[in-house]
Structure formats: C-alpha cells, structure tokens
C-alpha cells in the first residue's frame, strides 16, 4: 500500500566503490571501511557489522559534501556489513535517506554504539532500514553515497557549498558543482556581510553555512513531526497564487520531523494528509474534510479537481492551525489516526 511512496527518494541511492586509495584531495580515508560523500548534502552515517552472535551498530559519522571518512578502522572481516545515512537537518525539503530493507536499532539523538536488540523501543532506540554492503577485502573498502547527479568528490564539495548557500537564504543559482561567477559572488557577499575571513577554507565554510541554515530553518516555514511509534507518510496542500497545490510524500520515522515548506508562511490555509504504517496495516488520518489530489509516488500537483482524470487519486486532507510568526509546526499523534479496521 505504500508503493506510492517508494519514489520519494528514488533519485538517491548507494553505489559501492572498491579501492585502496584516491587522488582526490578531500579523500582522507585510510585502512578500513571508508564512506565517501559524493552528494551535495551534509550527511550523517551509521554502520553495522556482525560481532559474536549479534549485530553491532554505530553512529553517527558526519560527512561534508566531497569528503571521505573511515567508518570502521583497522582490519575488516569480509562479509555483509550494513549502512544507513541521513541528510543534515540544515537542508530544505525534509531529510533525505540512503538505506535499504534491513531493520536495525539506532539512537537518533546522538552518537551511539549498541548491539542491536530485537525490540528497539525497549532500549529507548528506534528502528531504521539499513542497506547491506558486501565487503570483500580485509584491508580497505569504500562505499560512495551518491545522488542522481554523478559528482566527483570535488564537484560534490562545490555543489554542497551551493546547496548550503541556498539553504541559508543567500543564493538562488543552480546547484551544479561548478563554482562560477554567481556562486563566487554569493560566497564573497556572505563572508563580507558576516565579517568572516575571505580566505576561509571550504570545510570551515560548509560548517558555518550548515549552522546558519539550521538556525534559519527553525524560524520559518512549515514542519511536520511524527510523535507516534510508527512510520508515517505525509503530504501537504495549500493555496498557491490563485489556485491550489498539493505535494508529497515525506517519510517521517518515529520521532522524526521534516521541514516541508522552506519560506515564511502567510495566513493562507494549509492542509495535511497522512498514512501510518502499523504492522501490515494502514491507519488513516482522522477529521479529514477537504479534498485534494495525491499521487502514487512523489508528486506536486496544481489544482484539486478531476484528480482521477489526470491519473491521480482524491484524498481528504485535514486543516491545520493558522501559522504564527511566519511558521507552523504540525505534530501527528497516535490519537490522530483511525484504527486499521475502521
């Protein structure tokens, strides 16, 4: 039933790369299992390995765009390992994930190392779906996180700066991995306006931009949060110009949030739609009254009439409270969803 949402992150995937070294200046990997970030996002990774009779899970390792870091140091045990990654909360549009279909327990709030138990909640942990990675070398192994654009490490670093400049609200150009005149001007203006060193290194620039983008995101836009024990798939609808628009899907893990609108909100009406996974069943949102169009996969639909004529579905959305101070936080609770058989 959640096949409609499988395309939400279809443009983001894992690509395994094997090698004992790299000529890229940003590649600081050494002996062991290294993760390379060839995306335009700041990423946090968690890895898992078999140890004794269990699976040990560790996280989180932060990777700047265009960088490589050692996830497991020293000699490796050839065989299946596991990897899960999430984008930084600084980025607009909600968190991107890189994962698979093997559920393991993680601590979403900070660094951790744990032998994954059968019941995550009993240990105060949460389940995330990891991707298996087959390691075949005892000395070195590399796995690269990528997106649709096939960036080199250098291009990924450049694209990461461009994306963070946009997330911080100081750049509206293309995110293409090429530092041209427009990008360079935005960087210079940002450094000047914040009394920063014009010769600042790219890693330091990324760190500062990430912090500013995170602070900015807390003060504007619309954020959806999942306060249930289960995974939720959410969509929104709102007035756009003279018409209406609906967008989805955002995957909200238990306790997770996604910023779904990245601009200051006016007092226009906003609506939400959500489906909760509960075992093998689906629980639908209560108190829904307003019809909008939804798609089977990721969608952005203009208009709210004749949905089926355009190969969409009609779904009833719930109205949200009015935004306050240019922002709106909407939280989904267990009580907001119907029972599976209702």
Protein backbone atom coordinates (compact mmCIF):
# COMPACT_ATOMS: atom_id res chain seq x y z
CA UNK A 1 0.00 0.00 0.00
CA UNK A 2 2.99 2.30 0.40
CA UNK A 3 4.21 1.65 -3.14
CA UNK A 4 3.11 5.20 -3.93
CA UNK A 5 5.87 6.47 -1.68
CA UNK A 6 8.73 4.36 -2.96
CA UNK A 7 9.65 7.12 -5.35
CA UNK A 8 10.11 9.77 -2.67
CA UNK A 9 13.82 9.20 -2.51
CA UNK A 10 14.23 7.22 -5.74
CA UNK A 11 16.74 9.74 -7.01
CA UNK A 12 19.11 8.96 -4.14
CA UNK A 13 20.93 5.63 -3.95
CA UNK A 14 24.03 3.76 -2.76
CA UNK A 15 26.90 2.87 -5.06
CA UNK A 16 29.73 0.62 -3.81
CA UNK A 17 33.26 1.57 -4.92
CA UNK A 18 36.33 -0.56 -4.26
CA UNK A 19 39.85 0.82 -3.91
CA UNK A 20 42.87 1.22 -1.69
CA UNK A 21 43.28 4.97 -2.14
CA UNK A 22 42.25 8.07 -4.04
CA UNK A 23 43.91 11.01 -5.73
CA UNK A 24 41.19 13.41 -4.51
CA UNK A 25 42.49 15.97 -2.03
CA UNK A 26 39.30 15.65 0.03
CA UNK A 27 39.71 11.87 0.43
CA UNK A 28 41.09 11.35 3.94
CA UNK A 29 40.16 7.67 4.12
CA UNK A 30 42.63 5.10 5.41
CA UNK A 31 42.73 1.42 6.29
CA UNK A 32 39.29 0.02 6.97
CA UNK A 33 35.83 0.75 5.59
CA UNK A 34 35.53 4.29 4.25
CA UNK A 35 32.36 6.14 3.28
CA UNK A 36 32.64 8.84 0.59
CA UNK A 37 30.03 11.56 0.21
CA UNK A 38 29.61 12.32 -3.48
CA UNK A 39 26.39 14.27 -2.91
CA UNK A 40 25.56 17.94 -2.38
CA UNK A 41 24.26 17.24 1.15
CA UNK A 42 25.92 17.13 4.54
CA UNK A 43 25.31 13.52 5.58
CA UNK A 44 25.33 11.56 8.83
CA UNK A 45 26.04 7.81 8.56
CA UNK A 46 25.51 4.78 10.75
CA UNK A 47 27.18 1.42 10.06
CA UNK A 48 26.68 -2.08 11.41
CA UNK A 49 28.71 -5.29 11.46
CA UNK A 50 28.34 -8.82 12.79
CA UNK A 51 30.19 -9.39 16.04
CA UNK A 52 29.78 -12.58 18.03
CA UNK A 53 26.14 -13.64 17.88
CA UNK A 54 24.78 -10.15 17.27
CA UNK A 55 25.00 -7.06 15.11
CA UNK A 56 26.82 -4.01 16.47
CA UNK A 57 25.51 -0.67 15.18
CA UNK A 58 27.47 2.59 15.46
CA UNK A 59 26.67 6.20 14.53
CA UNK A 60 26.75 8.98 13.68
CA UNK A 61 29.68 9.90 11.43
CA UNK A 62 29.29 13.31 9.78
CA UNK A 63 30.47 13.69 6.18
CA UNK A 64 30.78 17.03 4.45
CA UNK A 65 29.96 17.03 0.74
CA UNK A 66 33.00 15.84 -1.22
CA UNK A 67 34.70 14.14 1.75
CA UNK A 68 35.58 10.57 2.73
CA UNK A 69 35.78 9.33 6.30
CA UNK A 70 36.71 5.99 7.87
CA UNK A 71 33.59 4.35 9.28
CA UNK A 72 35.32 1.23 10.59
CA UNK A 73 39.06 1.46 11.19
CA UNK A 74 41.60 -1.36 11.03
CA UNK A 75 41.33 -4.80 9.52
CA UNK A 76 37.94 -5.81 8.14
CA UNK A 77 36.06 -9.09 8.33
CA UNK A 78 34.95 -9.87 4.76
CA UNK A 79 31.21 -10.37 4.50
CA UNK A 80 27.98 -8.43 4.81
CA UNK A 81 28.01 -5.12 6.65
CA UNK A 82 25.20 -2.53 6.81
CA UNK A 83 24.87 1.18 6.11
CA UNK A 84 22.23 3.84 6.75
CA UNK A 85 22.59 7.57 6.09
CA UNK A 86 20.51 10.69 6.55
CA UNK A 87 20.97 14.27 5.40
CA UNK A 88 21.57 17.12 7.83
CA UNK A 89 18.58 18.97 9.24
CA UNK A 90 20.07 22.12 7.69
CA UNK A 91 18.80 21.18 4.25
CA UNK A 92 15.44 22.30 2.99
CA UNK A 93 12.66 19.94 1.95
CA UNK A 94 12.97 17.38 4.73
CA UNK A 95 15.60 14.75 5.41
CA UNK A 96 16.86 12.53 2.60
CA UNK A 97 17.74 8.98 3.49
CA UNK A 98 20.03 6.36 1.99
CA UNK A 99 19.03 2.92 3.20
CA UNK A 100 17.60 -0.48 2.38
CA UNK A 101 15.29 -3.05 3.93
CA UNK A 102 17.17 -4.47 6.94
CA UNK A 103 15.76 -3.01 10.20
CA UNK A 104 18.35 -2.24 12.91
CA UNK A 105 18.21 -0.13 16.05
CA UNK A 106 19.76 3.35 16.28
CA UNK A 107 19.84 6.27 18.67
CA UNK A 108 18.55 9.19 16.60
CA UNK A 109 19.58 11.83 19.14
CA UNK A 110 23.37 11.50 19.23
CA UNK A 111 26.46 9.31 18.98
CA UNK A 112 25.98 5.67 19.97
CA UNK A 113 27.36 2.14 19.79
CA UNK A 114 24.96 -0.67 20.58
CA UNK A 115 24.33 -4.32 19.87
CA UNK A 116 21.03 -4.12 18.04
CA UNK A 117 18.28 -5.76 20.16
CA UNK A 118 15.12 -7.41 18.87
CA UNK A 119 12.96 -4.70 20.44
CA UNK A 120 14.33 -1.22 19.72
CA UNK A 121 11.74 0.61 21.81
CA UNK A 122 12.57 -1.43 24.92
CA UNK A 123 16.09 0.01 24.78
CA UNK A 124 14.94 3.55 24.06
CA UNK A 125 16.09 3.20 20.44
CA UNK A 126 14.38 3.48 17.05
CA UNK A 127 14.40 1.22 14.02
CA UNK A 128 15.92 2.28 10.70
CA UNK A 129 16.18 0.31 7.47
CA UNK A 130 19.82 -0.35 6.57
CA UNK A 131 21.30 -1.42 3.24
CA UNK A 132 23.62 -4.46 3.12
CA UNK A 133 27.13 -3.80 1.81
CA UNK A 134 29.28 -6.81 0.87
CA UNK A 135 32.90 -6.17 1.90
CA UNK A 136 35.40 -8.41 0.13
CA UNK A 137 38.78 -7.03 1.23
CA UNK A 138 40.37 -7.25 4.67
CA UNK A 139 42.42 -4.06 4.27
CA UNK A 140 40.32 -1.35 2.61
CA UNK A 141 36.84 -0.93 1.21
CA UNK A 142 34.97 2.14 0.01
CA UNK A 143 31.31 2.87 -0.40
CA UNK A 144 30.14 6.09 -2.01
CA UNK A 145 26.88 7.83 -1.27
CA UNK A 146 25.55 9.44 -4.44
CA UNK A 147 22.54 11.21 -5.87
CA UNK A 148 21.16 11.49 -9.40
CA UNK A 149 23.93 13.86 -10.46
CA UNK A 150 27.18 11.92 -10.83
CA UNK A 151 29.52 14.25 -8.97
CA UNK A 152 33.21 13.73 -8.46
CA UNK A 153 34.37 14.44 -4.92
CA UNK A 154 35.49 17.94 -5.93
CA UNK A 155 32.20 18.66 -7.71
CA UNK A 156 30.25 17.33 -4.70
CA UNK A 157 32.12 19.72 -2.41
CA UNK A 158 31.28 22.64 -4.71
CA UNK A 159 27.65 21.56 -5.03
CA UNK A 160 27.46 21.23 -1.24
CA UNK A 161 28.54 24.84 -0.81
CA UNK A 162 25.96 25.94 -3.37
CA UNK A 163 23.19 23.99 -1.64
CA UNK A 164 24.06 25.33 1.80
CA UNK A 165 24.23 28.88 0.46
CA UNK A 166 20.69 28.34 -0.85
CA UNK A 167 19.57 26.75 2.43
CA UNK A 168 20.97 29.77 4.28
CA UNK A 169 18.98 32.09 2.01
CA UNK A 170 21.88 33.81 0.25
CA UNK A 171 21.97 32.06 -3.15
CA UNK A 172 19.36 31.26 -5.80
CA UNK A 173 21.51 29.86 -8.59
CA UNK A 174 21.92 26.34 -9.96
CA UNK A 175 23.33 23.57 -7.80
CA UNK A 176 25.64 22.06 -10.38
CA UNK A 177 29.03 21.62 -8.73
CA UNK A 178 30.65 24.43 -10.72
CA UNK A 179 31.83 27.50 -8.80
CA UNK A 180 31.10 30.17 -11.36
CA UNK A 181 30.75 33.93 -11.11
CA UNK A 182 27.34 33.86 -9.42
CA UNK A 183 28.39 31.33 -6.78
CA UNK A 184 31.67 33.13 -6.11
CA UNK A 185 29.81 36.43 -5.67
CA UNK A 186 27.40 34.81 -3.19
CA UNK A 187 30.31 33.38 -1.20
CA UNK A 188 32.12 36.73 -1.12
CA UNK A 189 28.97 38.58 -0.06
CA UNK A 190 28.29 36.03 2.68
CA UNK A 191 31.82 36.26 4.06
CA UNK A 192 31.83 40.06 3.91
CA UNK A 193 28.40 40.51 5.48
CA UNK A 194 29.34 38.22 8.36
CA UNK A 195 32.85 39.65 8.91
CA UNK A 196 34.49 36.34 8.01
CA UNK A 197 37.91 35.62 6.54
CA UNK A 198 37.84 35.84 2.75
CA UNK A 199 40.41 33.04 2.64
CA UNK A 200 38.28 30.68 4.71
CA UNK A 201 38.68 27.02 3.77
CA UNK A 202 35.80 25.16 2.13
CA UNK A 203 35.30 22.78 5.12
CA UNK A 204 35.02 25.75 7.50
CA UNK A 205 32.64 27.50 5.11
CA UNK A 206 30.45 24.39 4.95
CA UNK A 207 30.35 24.14 8.75
CA UNK A 208 29.31 27.78 9.21
CA UNK A 209 26.72 27.65 6.44
CA UNK A 210 25.21 24.48 7.89
CA UNK A 211 24.75 26.13 11.29
CA UNK A 212 23.18 29.25 9.79
CA UNK A 213 20.86 27.15 7.61
CA UNK A 214 19.76 25.14 10.66
CA UNK A 215 19.03 28.32 12.63
CA UNK A 216 17.13 29.80 9.71
CA UNK A 217 15.00 26.69 9.28
CA UNK A 218 13.78 26.87 12.88
CA UNK A 219 12.23 30.28 12.32
CA UNK A 220 10.31 29.97 9.05
CA UNK A 221 8.22 27.56 7.03
CA UNK A 222 6.13 24.52 7.84
CA UNK A 223 7.44 21.49 9.74
CA UNK A 224 5.74 18.13 10.19
CA UNK A 225 6.68 15.91 13.15
CA UNK A 226 5.84 12.30 13.88
CA UNK A 227 5.03 11.76 17.58
CA UNK A 228 3.83 8.18 17.07
CA UNK A 229 5.66 4.86 17.38
CA UNK A 230 5.25 4.06 13.69
CA UNK A 231 6.38 5.36 10.31
CA UNK A 232 4.18 7.96 8.64
CA UNK A 233 3.93 9.10 5.03
CA UNK A 234 2.68 12.69 4.83
CA UNK A 235 1.53 15.21 2.23
CA UNK A 236 0.50 18.85 2.36
CA UNK A 237 -1.79 21.17 0.42
CA UNK A 238 -2.03 24.94 0.30
CA UNK A 239 -3.14 27.85 -1.85
CA UNK A 240 -0.55 28.94 -4.41
CA UNK A 241 -1.30 32.19 -6.21
CA UNK A 242 -4.86 32.00 -7.49
CA UNK A 243 -5.08 28.21 -7.26
CA UNK A 244 -4.23 25.21 -5.10
CA UNK A 245 -1.27 22.88 -4.84
CA UNK A 246 -0.71 19.52 -3.14
CA UNK A 247 2.72 17.91 -2.52
CA UNK A 248 4.07 14.66 -1.09
CA UNK A 249 5.38 12.28 0.09
CA UNK A 250 7.51 12.91 3.16
CA UNK A 251 8.65 9.87 5.12
CA UNK A 252 8.51 10.57 8.86
CA UNK A 253 10.12 7.99 11.09
CA UNK A 254 9.01 7.74 14.72
CA UNK A 255 10.16 10.92 16.45
CA UNK A 256 11.31 12.46 13.18
CA UNK A 257 10.45 15.80 11.59
CA UNK A 258 10.61 17.26 8.10
CA UNK A 259 10.52 20.91 7.04
CA UNK A 260 8.13 20.75 4.10
CA UNK A 261 7.87 24.46 3.29
CA UNK A 262 11.06 26.49 3.35
CA UNK A 263 9.71 30.02 3.10
CA UNK A 264 7.94 32.37 5.51
CA UNK A 265 4.26 31.48 5.80
CA UNK A 266 1.42 33.92 5.39
CA UNK A 267 -2.00 33.40 6.93
CA UNK A 268 -3.25 31.31 4.00
CA UNK A 269 -4.93 27.96 4.65
CA UNK A 270 -2.75 24.85 4.93
CA UNK A 271 -3.80 21.19 4.95
CA UNK A 272 -2.18 17.83 5.75
CA UNK A 273 -2.77 14.22 4.76
CA UNK A 274 -1.03 11.20 6.30
CA UNK A 275 -0.99 7.41 6.35
CA UNK A 276 0.57 5.46 9.21
CA UNK A 277 2.21 2.05 8.90
CA UNK A 278 1.03 -0.19 11.74
CA UNK A 279 2.39 -3.68 11.28
CA UNK A 280 0.96 -4.86 7.98
CA UNK A 281 -1.95 -2.46 8.09
CA UNK A 282 -2.60 1.19 7.30
CA UNK A 283 -4.12 3.74 9.63
CA UNK A 284 -5.64 6.82 8.02
CA UNK A 285 -5.77 10.34 9.45
CA UNK A 286 -8.97 11.36 11.26
CA UNK A 287 -11.05 14.51 10.84
CA UNK A 288 -10.24 14.99 7.16
CA UNK A 289 -12.70 17.12 5.22
CA UNK A 290 -11.03 18.86 2.28
CA UNK A 291 -10.37 17.01 -0.99
CA UNK A 292 -7.05 17.33 -2.86
CA UNK A 293 -5.16 15.23 -5.39
CA UNK A 294 -2.39 12.81 -4.42
CA UNK A 295 -0.05 10.65 -6.49
CA UNK A 296 1.23 7.10 -6.08
CA UNK A 297 4.82 8.36 -5.97
CA UNK A 298 6.38 11.73 -5.21
CA UNK A 299 4.12 14.46 -6.55
CA UNK A 300 3.50 18.17 -6.91
CA UNK A 301 0.01 18.74 -8.29
CA UNK A 302 -1.59 22.05 -9.27
CA UNK A 303 -5.35 22.15 -8.81
CA UNK A 304 -7.70 19.98 -6.78
CA UNK A 305 -10.46 18.92 -9.20
CA UNK A 306 -10.82 15.97 -11.57
CA UNK A 307 -7.91 14.15 -9.94
CA UNK A 308 -8.73 10.76 -11.44
CA UNK A 309 -8.92 12.24 -14.95
CA UNK A 310 -5.22 13.08 -14.56
CA UNK A 311 -4.29 9.61 -13.20
CA UNK A 312 -4.19 10.84 -9.59
CA UNK A 313 -6.37 9.96 -6.58
CA UNK A 314 -8.63 12.15 -4.48
CA UNK A 315 -7.87 12.15 -0.76
CA UNK A 316 -9.36 14.09 2.13
CA UNK A 317 -6.92 16.39 3.98
CA UNK A 318 -7.20 17.93 7.44
CA UNK A 319 -6.97 21.67 8.02
CA UNK A 320 -4.06 22.91 10.14
CA UNK A 321 -4.00 25.79 12.63
CA UNK A 322 -3.01 29.19 11.29
CA UNK A 323 0.73 29.94 11.05
CA UNK A 324 2.23 32.08 13.80
CA UNK A 325 5.23 34.34 13.26
CA UNK A 326 5.72 33.05 9.70
CA UNK A 327 5.96 29.39 10.73
CA UNK A 328 3.82 26.37 11.51
CA UNK A 329 4.67 23.19 13.41
CA UNK A 330 2.21 20.33 12.89
CA UNK A 331 2.57 17.19 15.01
CA UNK A 332 0.98 13.80 14.30
CA UNK A 333 -0.04 11.76 17.38
CA UNK A 334 -1.42 8.23 17.71
CA UNK A 335 -4.82 9.66 18.59
CA UNK A 336 -4.99 11.44 15.23
CA UNK A 337 -5.31 8.18 13.28
CA UNK A 338 -8.21 5.78 12.79
CA UNK A 339 -7.98 2.17 13.83
CA UNK A 340 -6.96 -0.15 10.96
CA UNK A 341 -10.37 -1.79 10.62
CA UNK A 342 -12.40 1.45 10.79
